Amino acid sequence: MEPVSNAAIIKMKVEYENTLRKSSTENLRKKFPDRPWIQEVQSAWVSKNELLALLEDNKANGLRIHYGCHNESTSKDPRADYLGLHNVILVATIDSVNPDNPTTENSVDQLDVTKTEQANAMLPPPGSYGGSGGDLIPLCPPNCP
């Protein structure tokens, strides 16, 4: 990862707004006509404590960010529901070849297949990420500051 200027960040955000977010919002409104307020996500937020818990519970030295789309309802409140929205899935990784200087080429996702295939009742308790990834990150919209 390299530092990037504020100007570059603004340009990338504007490009996203004018291309992907705009067309995705149009598609979402067609797909969910009963939710005319729906908008594609601008951002996601996660706390330092949650990131550290994900990394520490998996004894990880890296983090992979997967892109996904919510395919199930997440709230009984239709205005707060993430159904259809893009999201990010955070997965701890381990590079055992270069543990002090991990690389994407050598990093392996730390997902325990037996846990991810079991019913939710069998997953670690909320806030315990051993063998699991992180999801249901506050998305904006609908959860904008």
C-alpha atoms as a PDB file:
ATOM      1  CA  MET A   1       0.000   0.000   0.000  1.00  0.00           C
ATOM      2  CA  GLU A   2       1.245   3.472  -0.840  1.00  0.00           C
ATOM      3  CA  PRO A   3       0.149   6.807   0.572  1.00  0.00           C
ATOM      4  CA  VAL A   4      -2.115   8.770  -1.768  1.00  0.00           C
ATOM      5  CA  SER A   5      -2.895  12.480  -1.842  1.00  0.00           C
ATOM      6  CA  ASN A   6      -6.235  13.962  -0.872  1.00  0.00           C
ATOM      7  CA  ALA A   7      -6.623  15.255  -4.438  1.00  0.00           C
ATOM      8  CA  ALA A   8      -6.154  11.733  -5.846  1.00  0.00           C
ATOM      9  CA  ILE A   9      -8.688  10.338  -3.358  1.00  0.00           C
ATOM     10  CA  ILE A  10     -11.240  12.966  -4.375  1.00  0.00           C
ATOM     11  CA  LYS A  11     -10.704  12.200  -8.080  1.00  0.00           C
ATOM     12  CA  MET A  12     -11.186   8.468  -7.502  1.00  0.00           C
ATOM     13  CA  LYS A  13     -14.337   9.057  -5.447  1.00  0.00           C
ATOM     14  CA  VAL A  14     -15.795  11.342  -8.145  1.00  0.00           C
ATOM     15  CA  GLU A  15     -14.996   8.753 -10.821  1.00  0.00           C
ATOM     16  CA  TYR A  16     -16.742   6.053  -8.757  1.00  0.00           C
ATOM     17  CA  GLU A  17     -19.776   8.328  -8.208  1.00  0.00           C
ATOM     18  CA  ASN A  18     -20.074   9.150 -11.912  1.00  0.00           C
ATOM     19  CA  THR A  19     -19.611   5.614 -13.207  1.00  0.00           C
ATOM     20  CA  LEU A  20     -20.117   2.570 -11.019  1.00  0.00           C
ATOM     21  CA  ARG A  21     -22.256   4.045  -8.228  1.00  0.00           C
ATOM     22  CA  LYS A  22     -24.570   5.916 -10.590  1.00  0.00           C
ATOM     23  CA  SER A  23     -25.272   2.925 -12.833  1.00  0.00           C
ATOM     24  CA  SER A  24     -25.499   0.528  -9.907  1.00  0.00           C
ATOM     25  CA  THR A  25     -28.049   2.769  -8.162  1.00  0.00           C
ATOM     26  CA  GLU A  26     -30.140   2.804 -11.363  1.00  0.00           C
ATOM     27  CA  ASN A  27     -29.967  -0.992 -11.532  1.00  0.00           C
ATOM     28  CA  LEU A  28     -30.877  -1.356  -7.847  1.00  0.00           C
ATOM     29  CA  ARG A  29     -33.941   0.860  -8.279  1.00  0.00           C
ATOM     30  CA  LYS A  30     -35.086  -1.306 -11.195  1.00  0.00           C
ATOM     31  CA  LYS A  31     -34.460  -4.497  -9.249  1.00  0.00           C
ATOM     32  CA  PHE A  32     -36.139  -3.219  -6.070  1.00  0.00           C
ATOM     33  CA  PRO A  33     -38.996  -0.935  -7.237  1.00  0.00           C
ATOM     34  CA  ASP A  34     -40.531  -1.162  -3.758  1.00  0.00           C
ATOM     35  CA  ARG A  35     -37.415   0.616  -2.389  1.00  0.00           C
ATOM     36  CA  PRO A  36     -37.226   3.845  -4.479  1.00  0.00           C
ATOM     37  CA  TRP A  37     -34.812   5.400  -1.951  1.00  0.00           C
ATOM     38  CA  ILE A  38     -32.173   2.704  -2.458  1.00  0.00           C
ATOM     39  CA  GLN A  39     -28.695   3.935  -3.382  1.00  0.00           C
ATOM     40  CA  GLU A  40     -25.471   2.076  -3.994  1.00  0.00           C
ATOM     41  CA  VAL A  41     -22.890   2.250  -1.252  1.00  0.00           C
ATOM     42  CA  GLN A  42     -20.393   5.131  -1.067  1.00  0.00           C
ATOM     43  CA  SER A  43     -18.320   3.816   1.805  1.00  0.00           C
ATOM     44  CA  ALA A  44     -17.972   1.257   4.556  1.00  0.00           C
ATOM     45  CA  TRP A  45     -16.570   1.753   8.036  1.00  0.00           C
ATOM     46  CA  VAL A  46     -14.884  -0.553  10.518  1.00  0.00           C
ATOM     47  CA  SER A  47     -13.294   0.223  13.874  1.00  0.00           C
ATOM     48  CA  LYS A  48      -9.666  -0.379  14.762  1.00  0.00           C
ATOM     49  CA  ASN A  49     -10.777  -2.751  17.533  1.00  0.00           C
ATOM     50  CA  GLU A  50     -12.751  -4.898  15.075  1.00  0.00           C
ATOM     51  CA  LEU A  51      -9.831  -4.995  12.630  1.00  0.00           C
ATOM     52  CA  LEU A  52      -7.421  -5.970  15.407  1.00  0.00           C
ATOM     53  CA  ALA A  53      -9.817  -8.671  16.661  1.00  0.00           C
ATOM     54  CA  LEU A  54     -10.100 -10.147  13.148  1.00  0.00           C
ATOM     55  CA  LEU A  55      -6.313 -10.174  12.739  1.00  0.00           C
ATOM     56  CA  GLU A  56      -5.500 -11.400  16.253  1.00  0.00           C
ATOM     57  CA  ASP A  57      -8.211 -14.107  16.391  1.00  0.00           C
ATOM     58  CA  ASN A  58      -6.685 -15.567  13.219  1.00  0.00           C
ATOM     59  CA  LYS A  59      -3.019 -14.925  14.171  1.00  0.00           C
ATOM     60  CA  ALA A  60      -2.857 -13.087  10.847  1.00  0.00           C
ATOM     61  CA  ASN A  61      -0.218 -10.854   9.315  1.00  0.00           C
ATOM     62  CA  GLY A  62      -2.384  -9.504   6.502  1.00  0.00           C
ATOM     63  CA  LEU A  63      -5.886  -8.614   5.392  1.00  0.00           C
ATOM     64  CA  ARG A  64      -7.635  -9.348   2.107  1.00  0.00           C
ATOM     65  CA  ILE A  65     -10.605  -7.216   1.115  1.00  0.00           C
ATOM     66  CA  HIS A  66     -13.118  -9.072  -1.018  1.00  0.00           C
ATOM     67  CA  TYR A  67     -15.975  -7.317  -2.779  1.00  0.00           C
ATOM     68  CA  GLY A  68     -19.412  -8.829  -2.502  1.00  0.00           C
ATOM     69  CA  CYS A  69     -23.107  -8.123  -2.699  1.00  0.00           C
ATOM     70  CA  HIS A  70     -25.638  -8.754   0.039  1.00  0.00           C
ATOM     71  CA  ASN A  71     -27.932 -11.509  -1.195  1.00  0.00           C
ATOM     72  CA  GLU A  72     -30.115 -11.739   1.921  1.00  0.00           C
ATOM     73  CA  SER A  73     -32.088  -9.228   3.916  1.00  0.00           C
ATOM     74  CA  THR A  74     -30.128  -7.757   6.836  1.00  0.00           C
ATOM     75  CA  SER A  75     -32.839  -5.728   8.553  1.00  0.00           C
ATOM     76  CA  LYS A  76     -36.584  -5.694   9.098  1.00  0.00           C
ATOM     77  CA  ASP A  77     -36.448  -1.951   8.414  1.00  0.00           C
ATOM     78  CA  PRO A  78     -36.482  -1.657   4.593  1.00  0.00           C
ATOM     79  CA  ARG A  79     -34.620   1.674   4.736  1.00  0.00           C
ATOM     80  CA  ALA A  80     -31.779   0.050   6.688  1.00  0.00           C
ATOM     81  CA  ASP A  81     -31.678  -3.194   4.701  1.00  0.00           C
ATOM     82  CA  TYR A  82     -28.442  -4.017   2.858  1.00  0.00           C
ATOM     83  CA  LEU A  83     -30.141  -6.453   0.446  1.00  0.00           C
ATOM     84  CA  GLY A  84     -28.680  -5.859  -3.034  1.00  0.00           C
ATOM     85  CA  LEU A  85     -25.932  -3.474  -1.909  1.00  0.00           C
ATOM     86  CA  HIS A  86     -22.243  -3.949  -2.573  1.00  0.00           C
ATOM     87  CA  ASN A  87     -20.159  -4.662   0.480  1.00  0.00           C
ATOM     88  CA  VAL A  88     -16.643  -5.476   1.528  1.00  0.00           C
ATOM     89  CA  ILE A  89     -15.727  -8.728   3.220  1.00  0.00           C
ATOM     90  CA  LEU A  90     -12.634  -8.617   5.379  1.00  0.00           C
ATOM     91  CA  VAL A  91     -10.627 -11.832   5.579  1.00  0.00           C
ATOM     92  CA  ALA A  92      -7.487 -12.301   7.661  1.00  0.00           C
ATOM     93  CA  THR A  93      -4.512 -13.791   5.809  1.00  0.00           C
ATOM     94  CA  ILE A  94      -1.262 -15.469   6.759  1.00  0.00           C
ATOM     95  CA  ASP A  95       1.955 -15.383   4.797  1.00  0.00           C
ATOM     96  CA  SER A  96       4.065 -18.148   6.358  1.00  0.00           C
ATOM     97  CA  VAL A  97       6.843 -17.694   3.769  1.00  0.00           C
ATOM     98  CA  ASN A  98       7.532 -14.052   4.715  1.00  0.00           C
ATOM     99  CA  PRO A  99       5.853 -13.566   8.117  1.00  0.00           C
ATOM    100  CA  ASP A 100       7.712 -10.315   8.824  1.00  0.00           C
ATOM    101  CA  ASN A 101       7.073  -8.870   5.364  1.00  0.00           C
ATOM    102  CA  PRO A 102       3.875 -10.499   4.043  1.00  0.00           C
ATOM    103  CA  THR A 103       3.036 -10.356   0.356  1.00  0.00           C
ATOM    104  CA  THR A 104      -0.185 -10.890  -1.545  1.00  0.00           C
ATOM    105  CA  GLU A 105       1.414 -13.734  -3.532  1.00  0.00           C
ATOM    106  CA  ASN A 106       2.146 -15.812  -0.425  1.00  0.00           C
ATOM    107  CA  SER A 107      -0.836 -14.834   1.723  1.00  0.00           C
ATOM    108  CA  VAL A 108      -3.566 -17.402   2.312  1.00  0.00           C
ATOM    109  CA  ASP A 109      -7.115 -16.546   3.442  1.00  0.00           C
ATOM    110  CA  GLN A 110      -7.768 -17.823   6.959  1.00  0.00           C
ATOM    111  CA  LEU A 111     -11.280 -19.141   6.410  1.00  0.00           C
ATOM    112  CA  ASP A 112     -12.135 -22.400   8.131  1.00  0.00           C
ATOM    113  CA  VAL A 113     -14.263 -24.192   5.537  1.00  0.00           C
ATOM    114  CA  THR A 114     -15.922 -26.385   8.169  1.00  0.00           C
ATOM    115  CA  LYS A 115     -17.070 -23.273  10.037  1.00  0.00           C
ATOM    116  CA  THR A 116     -18.247 -21.369   6.973  1.00  0.00           C
ATOM    117  CA  GLU A 117     -20.308 -24.315   5.732  1.00  0.00           C
ATOM    118  CA  GLN A 118     -22.080 -24.898   9.060  1.00  0.00           C
ATOM    119  CA  ALA A 119     -25.236 -23.165  10.212  1.00  0.00           C
ATOM    120  CA  ASN A 120     -24.776 -19.731  11.778  1.00  0.00           C
ATOM    121  CA  ALA A 121     -25.379 -21.268  15.202  1.00  0.00           C
ATOM    122  CA  MET A 122     -22.116 -23.157  14.752  1.00  0.00           C
ATOM    123  CA  LEU A 123     -20.052 -20.090  13.859  1.00  0.00           C
ATOM    124  CA  PRO A 124     -17.911 -18.375  16.488  1.00  0.00           C
ATOM    125  CA  PRO A 125     -19.842 -15.994  18.742  1.00  0.00           C
ATOM    126  CA  PRO A 126     -20.207 -12.410  17.488  1.00  0.00           C
ATOM    127  CA  GLY A 127     -16.918 -10.566  17.812  1.00  0.00           C
ATOM    128  CA  SER A 128     -14.865 -13.778  17.656  1.00  0.00           C
ATOM    129  CA  TYR A 129     -13.358 -14.118  14.198  1.00  0.00           C
ATOM    130  CA  GLY A 130     -11.301 -17.312  14.429  1.00  0.00           C
ATOM    131  CA  GLY A 131     -11.598 -18.977  11.019  1.00  0.00           C
ATOM    132  CA  SER A 132     -14.196 -16.470   9.845  1.00  0.00           C
ATOM    133  CA  GLY A 133     -14.280 -13.219   7.901  1.00  0.00           C
ATOM    134  CA  GLY A 134     -15.948  -9.939   8.794  1.00  0.00           C
ATOM    135  CA  ASP A 135     -19.122  -8.628   7.224  1.00  0.00           C
ATOM    136  CA  LEU A 136     -22.118  -6.433   8.088  1.00  0.00           C
ATOM    137  CA  ILE A 137     -19.836  -3.436   8.224  1.00  0.00           C
ATOM    138  CA  PRO A 138     -21.794  -0.169   8.496  1.00  0.00           C
ATOM    139  CA  LEU A 139     -22.441   0.942   4.919  1.00  0.00           C
ATOM    140  CA  CYS A 140     -23.158   4.489   3.753  1.00  0.00           C
ATOM    141  CA  PRO A 141     -25.866   4.758   2.620  1.00  0.00           C
ATOM    142  CA  PRO A 142     -27.964   3.875   4.539  1.00  0.00           C
ATOM    143  CA  ASN A 143     -25.777   4.461   7.647  1.00  0.00           C
ATOM    144  CA  CYS A 144     -24.134   7.776   6.785  1.00  0.00           C
ATOM    145  CA  PRO A 145     -22.555  10.055   9.384  1.00  0.00           C
END
